Amino acid sequence: MRMEQKVRDYFELKQQQKEIEQRLSVLRDDILGYCAEQGVYETELGGYVVKTVLQQRKEYDDQKLYAILPDPEIWRLLSKVDNNKLKSLLKLNVLSEEQISSAVTVRPITLLQVDKL
């Protein structure tokens, strides 16, 4: 396959991916809306099992976190808030949950899982 064809295929597939992601987003919202209306977290529909899982995702405010950190060298380690790096610093007890609590926003998210019966 020539490189021009690969570039063309890549472009077309990326376009399809965007369209698919948009359609999935609309369908996901519709399914989550249906489950919320019915008051269910798990249901069977047309040979499929639909499950919703509520989770909470933490988001950190860079400015507030920088102001809280006890040592500017810790900020250098983070350089920009990276959830995995921050979790590591918490796990290593370099920082505590209490220290960073004012820089954290907990945002609920709903995961959707659809399996065939």
C-alpha atoms as a PDB file:
ATOM      1  CA  MET A   1       0.000   0.000   0.000  1.00  0.00           C
ATOM      2  CA  ARG A   2       1.401   3.379  -0.971  1.00  0.00           C
ATOM      3  CA  MET A   3       1.903   6.042   1.666  1.00  0.00           C
ATOM      4  CA  GLU A   4      -0.677   8.343   0.038  1.00  0.00           C
ATOM      5  CA  GLN A   5      -3.285   5.616   0.441  1.00  0.00           C
ATOM      6  CA  LYS A   6      -2.304   5.086   4.080  1.00  0.00           C
ATOM      7  CA  VAL A   7      -2.659   8.823   4.759  1.00  0.00           C
ATOM      8  CA  ARG A   8      -6.053   8.883   3.022  1.00  0.00           C
ATOM      9  CA  ASP A   9      -7.219   5.785   4.948  1.00  0.00           C
ATOM     10  CA  TYR A  10      -6.011   7.277   8.216  1.00  0.00           C
ATOM     11  CA  PHE A  11      -7.880  10.529   7.570  1.00  0.00           C
ATOM     12  CA  GLU A  12     -11.075   8.698   6.630  1.00  0.00           C
ATOM     13  CA  LEU A  13     -10.886   6.412   9.645  1.00  0.00           C
ATOM     14  CA  LYS A  14     -10.342   9.390  11.983  1.00  0.00           C
ATOM     15  CA  GLN A  15     -13.437  11.043  10.483  1.00  0.00           C
ATOM     16  CA  GLN A  16     -15.425   7.843  11.038  1.00  0.00           C
ATOM     17  CA  GLN A  17     -14.067   7.643  14.579  1.00  0.00           C
ATOM     18  CA  LYS A  18     -15.335  11.185  15.321  1.00  0.00           C
ATOM     19  CA  GLU A  19     -18.769  10.330  13.923  1.00  0.00           C
ATOM     20  CA  ILE A  20     -18.903   7.076  15.900  1.00  0.00           C
ATOM     21  CA  GLU A  21     -17.854   8.837  19.113  1.00  0.00           C
ATOM     22  CA  GLN A  22     -20.593  11.442  18.601  1.00  0.00           C
ATOM     23  CA  ARG A  23     -23.207   8.726  18.017  1.00  0.00           C
ATOM     24  CA  LEU A  24     -21.968   6.766  21.051  1.00  0.00           C
ATOM     25  CA  SER A  25     -22.224   9.889  23.203  1.00  0.00           C
ATOM     26  CA  VAL A  26     -25.847  10.481  22.169  1.00  0.00           C
ATOM     27  CA  LEU A  27     -26.759   6.811  22.680  1.00  0.00           C
ATOM     28  CA  ARG A  28     -24.971   6.727  26.055  1.00  0.00           C
ATOM     29  CA  ASP A  29     -26.887   9.814  27.218  1.00  0.00           C
ATOM     30  CA  ASP A  30     -30.180   8.289  26.052  1.00  0.00           C
ATOM     31  CA  ILE A  31     -29.476   4.980  27.824  1.00  0.00           C
ATOM     32  CA  LEU A  32     -28.393   6.710  31.043  1.00  0.00           C
ATOM     33  CA  GLY A  33     -31.500   8.903  30.877  1.00  0.00           C
ATOM     34  CA  TYR A  34     -33.707   5.833  30.458  1.00  0.00           C
ATOM     35  CA  CYS A  35     -32.069   4.097  33.441  1.00  0.00           C
ATOM     36  CA  ALA A  36     -32.476   7.241  35.574  1.00  0.00           C
ATOM     37  CA  GLU A  37     -36.162   7.550  34.585  1.00  0.00           C
ATOM     38  CA  GLN A  38     -36.747   3.905  35.469  1.00  0.00           C
ATOM     39  CA  GLY A  39     -34.735   4.243  38.690  1.00  0.00           C
ATOM     40  CA  VAL A  40     -32.568   1.242  37.842  1.00  0.00           C
ATOM     41  CA  TYR A  41     -28.817   0.633  37.802  1.00  0.00           C
ATOM     42  CA  GLU A  42     -29.080  -2.682  36.005  1.00  0.00           C
ATOM     43  CA  THR A  43     -31.666  -3.960  33.558  1.00  0.00           C
ATOM     44  CA  GLU A  44     -32.152  -6.341  30.643  1.00  0.00           C
ATOM     45  CA  LEU A  45     -33.268  -4.894  27.310  1.00  0.00           C
ATOM     46  CA  GLY A  46     -33.626  -6.834  24.075  1.00  0.00           C
ATOM     47  CA  GLY A  47     -31.093  -9.504  24.915  1.00  0.00           C
ATOM     48  CA  TYR A  48     -28.591  -7.093  26.507  1.00  0.00           C
ATOM     49  CA  VAL A  49     -27.684  -6.391  30.115  1.00  0.00           C
ATOM     50  CA  VAL A  50     -27.301  -2.683  30.829  1.00  0.00           C
ATOM     51  CA  LYS A  51     -25.409  -1.649  33.971  1.00  0.00           C
ATOM     52  CA  THR A  52     -24.608   1.807  35.251  1.00  0.00           C
ATOM     53  CA  VAL A  53     -21.930   2.378  37.858  1.00  0.00           C
ATOM     54  CA  LEU A  54     -21.674   5.628  39.795  1.00  0.00           C
ATOM     55  CA  GLN A  55     -18.128   6.770  40.539  1.00  0.00           C
ATOM     56  CA  GLN A  56     -16.523   9.916  41.832  1.00  0.00           C
ATOM     57  CA  ARG A  57     -13.582  11.467  40.020  1.00  0.00           C
ATOM     58  CA  LYS A  58     -11.242  13.903  41.743  1.00  0.00           C
ATOM     59  CA  GLU A  59     -10.132  17.014  39.916  1.00  0.00           C
ATOM     60  CA  TYR A  60      -7.368  19.195  41.290  1.00  0.00           C
ATOM     61  CA  ASP A  61      -7.045  22.975  41.053  1.00  0.00           C
ATOM     62  CA  ASP A  62      -3.441  23.776  40.078  1.00  0.00           C
ATOM     63  CA  GLN A  63      -3.346  27.207  41.741  1.00  0.00           C
ATOM     64  CA  LYS A  64      -4.867  26.071  45.028  1.00  0.00           C
ATOM     65  CA  LEU A  65      -2.648  23.004  45.135  1.00  0.00           C
ATOM     66  CA  TYR A  66       0.493  25.046  44.521  1.00  0.00           C
ATOM     67  CA  ALA A  67      -0.447  27.372  47.385  1.00  0.00           C
ATOM     68  CA  ILE A  68      -0.936  24.406  49.730  1.00  0.00           C
ATOM     69  CA  LEU A  69       2.235  22.452  49.013  1.00  0.00           C
ATOM     70  CA  PRO A  70       4.714  22.682  51.885  1.00  0.00           C
ATOM     71  CA  ASP A  71       7.793  22.643  49.651  1.00  0.00           C
ATOM     72  CA  PRO A  72       8.180  24.170  46.158  1.00  0.00           C
ATOM     73  CA  GLU A  73      10.324  21.157  45.250  1.00  0.00           C
ATOM     74  CA  ILE A  74       7.199  18.988  45.459  1.00  0.00           C
ATOM     75  CA  TRP A  75       5.558  21.209  42.842  1.00  0.00           C
ATOM     76  CA  ARG A  76       8.605  20.647  40.647  1.00  0.00           C
ATOM     77  CA  LEU A  77       7.952  16.909  40.913  1.00  0.00           C
ATOM     78  CA  LEU A  78       4.374  17.465  39.809  1.00  0.00           C
ATOM     79  CA  SER A  79       5.094  20.370  37.424  1.00  0.00           C
ATOM     80  CA  LYS A  80       1.441  20.190  36.427  1.00  0.00           C
ATOM     81  CA  VAL A  81      -1.196  18.305  38.315  1.00  0.00           C
ATOM     82  CA  ASP A  82      -1.053  14.718  37.193  1.00  0.00           C
ATOM     83  CA  ASN A  83      -3.491  12.463  39.031  1.00  0.00           C
ATOM     84  CA  ASN A  84      -1.138   9.475  38.970  1.00  0.00           C
ATOM     85  CA  LYS A  85       1.842  11.462  40.284  1.00  0.00           C
ATOM     86  CA  LEU A  86      -0.321  13.040  42.954  1.00  0.00           C
ATOM     87  CA  LYS A  87      -1.678   9.630  44.007  1.00  0.00           C
ATOM     88  CA  SER A  88       1.917   8.403  44.283  1.00  0.00           C
ATOM     89  CA  LEU A  89       2.882  11.335  46.522  1.00  0.00           C
ATOM     90  CA  LEU A  90      -0.161  10.609  48.700  1.00  0.00           C
ATOM     91  CA  LYS A  91       0.718   6.917  48.856  1.00  0.00           C
ATOM     92  CA  LEU A  92       4.311   7.730  49.822  1.00  0.00           C
ATOM     93  CA  ASN A  93       2.985  10.066  52.559  1.00  0.00           C
ATOM     94  CA  VAL A  94       4.814  13.038  51.044  1.00  0.00           C
ATOM     95  CA  LEU A  95       1.405  14.727  51.044  1.00  0.00           C
ATOM     96  CA  SER A  96      -1.767  13.967  52.964  1.00  0.00           C
ATOM     97  CA  GLU A  97      -5.387  14.066  51.828  1.00  0.00           C
ATOM     98  CA  GLU A  98      -6.007  16.722  54.479  1.00  0.00           C
ATOM     99  CA  GLN A  99      -3.282  18.984  53.067  1.00  0.00           C
ATOM    100  CA  ILE A 100      -4.762  19.007  49.582  1.00  0.00           C
ATOM    101  CA  SER A 101      -8.458  18.793  50.445  1.00  0.00           C
ATOM    102  CA  SER A 102      -9.184  22.436  49.583  1.00  0.00           C
ATOM    103  CA  ALA A 103      -7.688  21.944  46.091  1.00  0.00           C
ATOM    104  CA  VAL A 104      -9.826  18.912  45.268  1.00  0.00           C
ATOM    105  CA  THR A 105     -13.214  18.844  43.594  1.00  0.00           C
ATOM    106  CA  VAL A 106     -15.001  15.506  43.518  1.00  0.00           C
ATOM    107  CA  ARG A 107     -17.124  15.098  40.420  1.00  0.00           C
ATOM    108  CA  PRO A 108     -19.590  12.222  40.117  1.00  0.00           C
ATOM    109  CA  ILE A 109     -19.509  10.288  36.853  1.00  0.00           C
ATOM    110  CA  THR A 110     -21.635   7.410  35.626  1.00  0.00           C
ATOM    111  CA  LEU A 111     -20.044   4.549  33.747  1.00  0.00           C
ATOM    112  CA  LEU A 112     -22.140   2.535  31.293  1.00  0.00           C
ATOM    113  CA  GLN A 113     -21.598  -1.137  30.563  1.00  0.00           C
ATOM    114  CA  VAL A 114     -23.631  -3.072  27.994  1.00  0.00           C
ATOM    115  CA  ASP A 115     -23.152  -6.831  27.580  1.00  0.00           C
ATOM    116  CA  LYS A 116     -24.922  -9.344  25.423  1.00  0.00           C
ATOM    117  CA  LEU A 117     -26.842 -12.039  27.299  1.00  0.00           C
END
